[in-house]
C-alpha cells in the first residue's frame, strides 16, 4: 500500500505533466487558407514554371507542386509542436517530407520562398474552442 505522501506526490506529478492530448489539438481555422497561400506564394509559379496547390485538412496542409497536371513534389505543413526537435519553423509551420515524392531542388526553392515570406499561419487549439451550439 502506498503511503499518503507517495500518493500525493503521484497526483502532483500528474497535474504538472503536460498532456499529450493537448499537444495534438492544434487545427487550422478556415481563414488559414489565405495565410498558407501567402506563405507558399501559390499565386505565382516556381522558377521552373511549376504551380503550387495547398489542401488544408484539419491539423495539417498538404502542398503539391505540379508540372502541368503531374505532382512532382508533395509535402505536409504541420504545427511546430508536431515536428522533431530542432525542426525549422517557417511562418508558423514545420515541413514534413511526407507523403512524397520530393524533388530536392523544388523543395529548396519552396523553402526559400517560405523563408522570404512575411506570412504566418495561425493555429487554434481545438480543445479550447467552444462547442458549436445545436440551435
Protein backbone atom coordinates (compact mmCIF):
# COMPACT_ATOMS: atom_id res chain seq x y z
CA UNK A 1 0.00 0.00 0.00
CA UNK A 2 1.31 3.44 -0.93
CA UNK A 3 1.91 5.98 1.77
CA UNK A 4 -0.29 9.10 1.68
CA UNK A 5 2.81 11.15 0.84
CA UNK A 6 3.62 8.93 -2.18
CA UNK A 7 0.02 9.15 -3.38
CA UNK A 8 0.11 12.95 -3.06
CA UNK A 9 3.40 13.10 -4.98
CA UNK A 10 1.91 10.98 -7.77
CA UNK A 11 -1.11 13.29 -8.03
CA UNK A 12 1.07 16.41 -8.14
CA UNK A 13 3.27 14.93 -10.88
CA UNK A 14 0.19 14.05 -12.97
CA UNK A 15 -1.10 17.61 -12.63
CA UNK A 16 2.27 19.11 -13.57
CA UNK A 17 2.92 16.83 -16.54
CA UNK A 18 1.79 18.20 -19.90
CA UNK A 19 -0.99 16.24 -21.52
CA UNK A 20 -0.15 14.57 -24.82
CA UNK A 21 -3.79 15.03 -25.88
CA UNK A 22 -3.33 18.81 -25.62
CA UNK A 23 -0.27 18.74 -27.88
CA UNK A 24 -2.26 17.05 -30.65
CA UNK A 25 -5.17 19.51 -30.62
CA UNK A 26 -3.82 22.23 -32.96
CA UNK A 27 -6.03 22.72 -36.02
CA UNK A 28 -6.30 25.20 -38.86
CA UNK A 29 -9.29 27.52 -38.99
CA UNK A 30 -10.81 28.17 -42.44
CA UNK A 31 -9.14 31.60 -42.67
CA UNK A 32 -5.73 29.89 -42.54
CA UNK A 33 -6.13 29.13 -46.27
CA UNK A 34 -5.21 32.74 -47.06
CA UNK A 35 -2.21 32.60 -44.71
CA UNK A 36 -0.95 29.34 -46.28
CA UNK A 37 -1.38 30.80 -49.77
CA UNK A 38 0.73 33.80 -48.76
CA UNK A 39 3.37 31.62 -47.12
CA UNK A 40 3.93 29.36 -50.14
CA UNK A 41 3.19 32.03 -52.74
CA UNK A 42 0.77 29.90 -54.72
CA UNK A 43 -0.26 32.93 -56.78
CA UNK A 44 2.92 32.60 -58.86
CA UNK A 45 4.79 29.62 -60.32
CA UNK A 46 8.20 28.43 -59.21
CA UNK A 47 11.25 29.23 -61.37
CA UNK A 48 10.72 26.09 -63.46
CA UNK A 49 7.09 27.03 -64.14
CA UNK A 50 5.62 24.55 -61.63
CA UNK A 51 2.36 25.52 -59.98
CA UNK A 52 1.51 25.19 -56.31
CA UNK A 53 -1.65 23.88 -54.69
CA UNK A 54 -2.43 23.62 -50.95
CA UNK A 55 -5.08 21.47 -49.31
CA UNK A 56 -5.99 22.19 -45.68
CA UNK A 57 -7.07 19.12 -43.74
CA UNK A 58 -7.73 19.83 -40.06
CA UNK A 59 -4.33 19.59 -38.39
CA UNK A 60 -2.11 19.80 -41.47
CA UNK A 61 -1.72 21.14 -45.01
CA UNK A 62 -0.62 19.09 -48.00
CA UNK A 63 1.29 21.23 -50.51
CA UNK A 64 1.52 19.83 -54.03
CA UNK A 65 3.90 21.19 -56.66
CA UNK A 66 2.63 20.46 -60.17
CA UNK A 67 4.39 20.26 -63.52
CA UNK A 68 1.33 20.64 -65.70
CA UNK A 69 -1.08 18.24 -64.02
CA UNK A 70 1.61 15.89 -62.68
CA UNK A 71 2.57 16.15 -58.99
CA UNK A 72 6.36 16.42 -58.77
CA UNK A 73 6.63 17.23 -55.06
CA UNK A 74 4.20 16.71 -52.17
CA UNK A 75 4.98 17.83 -48.62
CA UNK A 76 3.00 18.38 -45.45
CA UNK A 77 2.95 21.51 -43.30
CA UNK A 78 2.27 20.85 -39.61
CA UNK A 79 2.07 22.74 -36.33
CA UNK A 80 5.57 23.25 -34.87
CA UNK A 81 4.71 21.04 -31.88
CA UNK A 82 4.33 18.12 -34.31
CA UNK A 83 7.88 18.41 -35.61
CA UNK A 84 11.05 16.74 -34.49
CA UNK A 85 13.34 18.52 -32.03
CA UNK A 86 15.29 21.23 -33.82
CA UNK A 87 12.95 21.37 -36.84
CA UNK A 88 12.95 24.75 -38.56
CA UNK A 89 9.73 26.73 -38.14
CA UNK A 90 8.76 28.79 -41.19
CA UNK A 91 5.77 31.10 -40.94
CA UNK A 92 4.22 29.12 -38.09
CA UNK A 93 4.69 25.66 -39.64
CA UNK A 94 7.25 22.88 -39.93
CA UNK A 95 7.78 20.97 -43.16
CA UNK A 96 7.38 17.21 -43.30
CA UNK A 97 8.66 15.46 -46.45
CA UNK A 98 5.71 13.06 -46.39
CA UNK A 99 3.74 12.00 -48.38
CA UNK A 100 6.24 12.50 -51.23
CA UNK A 101 7.55 12.39 -53.84
CA UNK A 102 10.03 15.18 -53.09
CA UNK A 103 12.29 16.77 -55.69
CA UNK A 104 15.10 18.30 -53.59
CA UNK A 105 15.69 21.26 -55.93
CA UNK A 106 11.99 22.14 -55.91
CA UNK A 107 11.81 21.77 -52.13
CA UNK A 108 14.85 24.04 -51.72
CA UNK A 109 13.19 26.72 -53.84
CA UNK A 110 9.89 26.39 -51.97
CA UNK A 111 11.64 26.63 -48.58
CA UNK A 112 13.48 29.75 -49.78
CA UNK A 113 10.17 31.27 -50.79
CA UNK A 114 8.68 30.43 -47.38
CA UNK A 115 11.69 31.90 -45.53
CA UNK A 116 11.31 35.15 -47.50
CA UNK A 117 7.57 35.38 -46.87
CA UNK A 118 6.15 37.54 -44.12
CA UNK A 119 3.02 35.39 -43.90
CA UNK A 120 2.35 33.49 -40.69
CA UNK A 121 -0.09 30.60 -40.35
CA UNK A 122 -2.19 30.89 -37.20
CA UNK A 123 -3.44 27.74 -35.48
CA UNK A 124 -6.25 27.29 -32.97
CA UNK A 125 -6.43 24.85 -30.10
CA UNK A 126 -9.41 22.62 -30.88
CA UNK A 127 -9.70 21.64 -27.22
CA UNK A 128 -10.07 25.31 -26.21
CA UNK A 129 -12.70 26.14 -28.83
CA UNK A 130 -16.26 26.42 -27.55
CA UNK A 131 -18.51 23.63 -28.77
CA UNK A 132 -20.86 24.60 -31.60
CA UNK A 133 -24.37 25.21 -30.38
CA UNK A 134 -27.02 22.98 -31.84
CA UNK A 135 -29.54 25.74 -32.48
